Amino acid sequence: MKRINIPSGSEYEELVGYSRAVRVGNVIEVAGTTSMKDGKVRGLGEPYYQVKIILKKIEQALVDAGG
């Protein structure tokens, strides 16, 4: 089966081989999603806001992966 890496735009993609999501066949795995942007935590001290940011990122990764 073909593996498709879904990029996140993170500097760590090339450095350590990170991908926000990976699709193999009809399975999409998502991992390592945080509320970071431009090296800073968005919503620091506000867990609800952080979760909203993270879920939006996961949603976009799933859409990008064809989910």
C-alpha atoms as a PDB file:
ATOM      1  CA  MET A   1       0.000   0.000   0.000  1.00  0.00           C
ATOM      2  CA  LYS A   2       1.095   3.528  -0.710  1.00  0.00           C
ATOM      3  CA  ARG A   3       2.117   5.723   2.255  1.00  0.00           C
ATOM      4  CA  ILE A   4       1.178   9.407   2.098  1.00  0.00           C
ATOM      5  CA  ASN A   5       2.747  11.849   4.571  1.00  0.00           C
ATOM      6  CA  ILE A   6       0.632  14.891   5.357  1.00  0.00           C
ATOM      7  CA  PRO A   7       2.938  17.870   6.041  1.00  0.00           C
ATOM      8  CA  SER A   8       2.353  20.281   8.890  1.00  0.00           C
ATOM      9  CA  GLY A   9       4.847  22.950   7.899  1.00  0.00           C
ATOM     10  CA  SER A  10       6.883  22.222  11.028  1.00  0.00           C
ATOM     11  CA  GLU A  11      10.643  22.677  10.972  1.00  0.00           C
ATOM     12  CA  TYR A  12      10.868  19.187  12.493  1.00  0.00           C
ATOM     13  CA  GLU A  13       9.588  17.440   9.361  1.00  0.00           C
ATOM     14  CA  GLU A  14      12.997  17.411   7.702  1.00  0.00           C
ATOM     15  CA  LEU A  15      14.977  17.340  10.938  1.00  0.00           C
ATOM     16  CA  VAL A  16      13.403  14.218  12.493  1.00  0.00           C
ATOM     17  CA  GLY A  17      11.019  12.900   9.825  1.00  0.00           C
ATOM     18  CA  TYR A  18       7.873  14.209  11.497  1.00  0.00           C
ATOM     19  CA  SER A  19       4.474  14.301   9.770  1.00  0.00           C
ATOM     20  CA  ARG A  20       1.239  15.588  11.293  1.00  0.00           C
ATOM     21  CA  ALA A  21      -0.612  12.691   9.689  1.00  0.00           C
ATOM     22  CA  VAL A  22       0.190   9.600   7.649  1.00  0.00           C
ATOM     23  CA  ARG A  23      -2.227   7.746   5.397  1.00  0.00           C
ATOM     24  CA  VAL A  24      -1.724   4.128   4.397  1.00  0.00           C
ATOM     25  CA  GLY A  25      -4.635   2.681   2.442  1.00  0.00           C
ATOM     26  CA  ASN A  26      -7.833   3.759   4.189  1.00  0.00           C
ATOM     27  CA  VAL A  27      -6.163   4.345   7.578  1.00  0.00           C
ATOM     28  CA  ILE A  28      -5.076   7.823   8.687  1.00  0.00           C
ATOM     29  CA  GLU A  29      -2.921   8.185  11.807  1.00  0.00           C
ATOM     30  CA  VAL A  30      -2.490  11.605  13.448  1.00  0.00           C
ATOM     31  CA  ALA A  31       0.081  12.342  16.151  1.00  0.00           C
ATOM     32  CA  GLY A  32       2.098  15.020  17.877  1.00  0.00           C
ATOM     33  CA  THR A  33      -0.365  17.874  17.474  1.00  0.00           C
ATOM     34  CA  THR A  34       0.118  20.905  19.727  1.00  0.00           C
ATOM     35  CA  SER A  35      -1.046  24.510  19.799  1.00  0.00           C
ATOM     36  CA  MET A  36       2.386  25.808  18.750  1.00  0.00           C
ATOM     37  CA  LYS A  37       2.713  28.436  16.022  1.00  0.00           C
ATOM     38  CA  ASP A  38       5.902  30.199  15.000  1.00  0.00           C
ATOM     39  CA  GLY A  39       7.731  28.606  17.938  1.00  0.00           C
ATOM     40  CA  LYS A  40       5.259  29.861  20.549  1.00  0.00           C
ATOM     41  CA  VAL A  41       2.463  28.144  22.465  1.00  0.00           C
ATOM     42  CA  ARG A  42      -0.893  29.622  21.520  1.00  0.00           C
ATOM     43  CA  GLY A  43      -3.358  29.743  24.388  1.00  0.00           C
ATOM     44  CA  LEU A  44      -0.747  29.346  27.120  1.00  0.00           C
ATOM     45  CA  GLY A  45      -2.592  28.740  30.397  1.00  0.00           C
ATOM     46  CA  GLU A  46      -5.890  28.279  28.524  1.00  0.00           C
ATOM     47  CA  PRO A  47      -6.381  24.519  27.972  1.00  0.00           C
ATOM     48  CA  TYR A  48      -9.813  24.937  26.343  1.00  0.00           C
ATOM     49  CA  TYR A  49      -8.395  27.315  23.739  1.00  0.00           C
ATOM     50  CA  GLN A  50      -5.397  25.022  23.147  1.00  0.00           C
ATOM     51  CA  VAL A  51      -7.697  22.042  22.518  1.00  0.00           C
ATOM     52  CA  LYS A  52      -9.749  24.066  20.027  1.00  0.00           C
ATOM     53  CA  ILE A  53      -6.555  24.924  18.118  1.00  0.00           C
ATOM     54  CA  ILE A  54      -5.350  21.312  18.204  1.00  0.00           C
ATOM     55  CA  LEU A  55      -8.674  19.897  17.006  1.00  0.00           C
ATOM     56  CA  LYS A  56      -8.733  22.371  14.110  1.00  0.00           C
ATOM     57  CA  LYS A  57      -5.236  21.252  13.104  1.00  0.00           C
ATOM     58  CA  ILE A  58      -6.282  17.586  13.294  1.00  0.00           C
ATOM     59  CA  GLU A  59      -9.401  18.312  11.262  1.00  0.00           C
ATOM     60  CA  GLN A  60      -7.311  19.973   8.548  1.00  0.00           C
ATOM     61  CA  ALA A  61      -4.828  17.072   8.513  1.00  0.00           C
ATOM     62  CA  LEU A  62      -7.691  14.595   8.059  1.00  0.00           C
ATOM     63  CA  VAL A  63      -9.145  16.675   5.215  1.00  0.00           C
ATOM     64  CA  ASP A  64      -5.699  16.957   3.592  1.00  0.00           C
ATOM     65  CA  ALA A  65      -5.348  13.163   3.866  1.00  0.00           C
ATOM     66  CA  GLY A  66      -8.673  12.641   2.126  1.00  0.00           C
ATOM     67  CA  GLY A  67     -10.587  11.642   5.257  1.00  0.00           C
END
